[in-house]
């Protein structure tokens, strides 16, 4: 899988997470877990794109959590 494919897949994942959280019932018991899921689901793509801007392969590995 190349960089562009990974970027596309992480973006699609984030969009699916957003749709899931938006479609969940709005209750006090689902508010905090929904926000946490939204943050973690969208951060994967953001972290990968930030790692792609690394100047060396060592920085990429450190930034992507591999």
C-alpha atoms as a PDB file:
ATOM      1  CA  UNK A   1       0.000   0.000   0.000  1.00  0.00           C
ATOM      2  CA  UNK A   2       1.476   3.353  -1.008  1.00  0.00           C
ATOM      3  CA  UNK A   3       1.220   6.697   0.826  1.00  0.00           C
ATOM      4  CA  UNK A   4      -1.725   7.959  -1.222  1.00  0.00           C
ATOM      5  CA  UNK A   5      -3.710   4.771  -0.643  1.00  0.00           C
ATOM      6  CA  UNK A   6      -3.051   4.935   3.093  1.00  0.00           C
ATOM      7  CA  UNK A   7      -4.108   8.600   3.210  1.00  0.00           C
ATOM      8  CA  UNK A   8      -7.315   7.739   1.356  1.00  0.00           C
ATOM      9  CA  UNK A   9      -8.078   4.824   3.657  1.00  0.00           C
ATOM     10  CA  UNK A  10      -7.468   6.781   6.864  1.00  0.00           C
ATOM     11  CA  UNK A  11      -9.687   9.592   5.554  1.00  0.00           C
ATOM     12  CA  UNK A  12     -12.471   7.116   4.726  1.00  0.00           C
ATOM     13  CA  UNK A  13     -12.103   5.575   8.185  1.00  0.00           C
ATOM     14  CA  UNK A  14     -12.419   8.990   9.825  1.00  0.00           C
ATOM     15  CA  UNK A  15     -15.541   9.772   7.795  1.00  0.00           C
ATOM     16  CA  UNK A  16     -17.114   6.445   8.808  1.00  0.00           C
ATOM     17  CA  UNK A  17     -16.344   7.156  12.471  1.00  0.00           C
ATOM     18  CA  UNK A  18     -17.902  10.625  12.173  1.00  0.00           C
ATOM     19  CA  UNK A  19     -21.060   9.168  10.609  1.00  0.00           C
ATOM     20  CA  UNK A  20     -21.240   6.525  13.344  1.00  0.00           C
ATOM     21  CA  UNK A  21     -20.945   9.070  16.154  1.00  0.00           C
ATOM     22  CA  UNK A  22     -23.461  11.417  14.510  1.00  0.00           C
ATOM     23  CA  UNK A  23     -25.981   8.599  14.094  1.00  0.00           C
ATOM     24  CA  UNK A  24     -25.687   7.341  17.678  1.00  0.00           C
ATOM     25  CA  UNK A  25     -28.420   8.322  20.133  1.00  0.00           C
ATOM     26  CA  UNK A  26     -27.722  11.508  22.050  1.00  0.00           C
ATOM     27  CA  UNK A  27     -27.755  10.536  25.710  1.00  0.00           C
ATOM     28  CA  UNK A  28     -25.699  11.461  28.726  1.00  0.00           C
ATOM     29  CA  UNK A  29     -24.213   7.967  28.767  1.00  0.00           C
ATOM     30  CA  UNK A  30     -23.043   8.138  25.147  1.00  0.00           C
ATOM     31  CA  UNK A  31     -21.731  11.706  25.145  1.00  0.00           C
ATOM     32  CA  UNK A  32     -18.240  11.101  26.565  1.00  0.00           C
ATOM     33  CA  UNK A  33     -17.551   7.797  24.744  1.00  0.00           C
ATOM     34  CA  UNK A  34     -18.806   9.350  21.502  1.00  0.00           C
ATOM     35  CA  UNK A  35     -16.437  12.289  21.807  1.00  0.00           C
ATOM     36  CA  UNK A  36     -13.554   9.972  22.660  1.00  0.00           C
ATOM     37  CA  UNK A  37     -14.306   7.746  19.665  1.00  0.00           C
ATOM     38  CA  UNK A  38     -14.493  10.802  17.427  1.00  0.00           C
ATOM     39  CA  UNK A  39     -11.108  12.100  18.618  1.00  0.00           C
ATOM     40  CA  UNK A  40      -9.335   8.754  18.329  1.00  0.00           C
ATOM     41  CA  UNK A  41     -10.934   7.816  15.012  1.00  0.00           C
ATOM     42  CA  UNK A  42     -10.015  11.070  13.317  1.00  0.00           C
ATOM     43  CA  UNK A  43      -6.531  11.356  14.818  1.00  0.00           C
ATOM     44  CA  UNK A  44      -5.238   8.258  12.992  1.00  0.00           C
ATOM     45  CA  UNK A  45      -5.324  10.013   9.629  1.00  0.00           C
ATOM     46  CA  UNK A  46      -3.977  13.262  11.035  1.00  0.00           C
ATOM     47  CA  UNK A  47      -1.071  11.444  12.672  1.00  0.00           C
ATOM     48  CA  UNK A  48      -0.286   9.544   9.469  1.00  0.00           C
ATOM     49  CA  UNK A  49      -0.304  12.714   7.360  1.00  0.00           C
ATOM     50  CA  UNK A  50       1.990  14.395   9.894  1.00  0.00           C
ATOM     51  CA  UNK A  51       4.350  11.411   9.768  1.00  0.00           C
ATOM     52  CA  UNK A  52       4.418  11.645   5.957  1.00  0.00           C
ATOM     53  CA  UNK A  53       5.889  15.132   6.305  1.00  0.00           C
ATOM     54  CA  UNK A  54       8.878  13.715   8.221  1.00  0.00           C
ATOM     55  CA  UNK A  55      12.292  14.576   6.846  1.00  0.00           C
ATOM     56  CA  UNK A  56      13.822  11.130   7.467  1.00  0.00           C
ATOM     57  CA  UNK A  57      12.657   7.541   7.643  1.00  0.00           C
ATOM     58  CA  UNK A  58      13.510   7.482  11.361  1.00  0.00           C
ATOM     59  CA  UNK A  59      11.217  10.465  11.935  1.00  0.00           C
ATOM     60  CA  UNK A  60       8.492   8.796   9.853  1.00  0.00           C
ATOM     61  CA  UNK A  61       8.711   5.633  11.947  1.00  0.00           C
ATOM     62  CA  UNK A  62       8.625   7.616  15.184  1.00  0.00           C
ATOM     63  CA  UNK A  63       5.728   9.765  13.995  1.00  0.00           C
ATOM     64  CA  UNK A  64       3.625   6.904  12.707  1.00  0.00           C
ATOM     65  CA  UNK A  65       4.030   4.784  15.819  1.00  0.00           C
ATOM     66  CA  UNK A  66       5.507   1.813  13.961  1.00  0.00           C
END
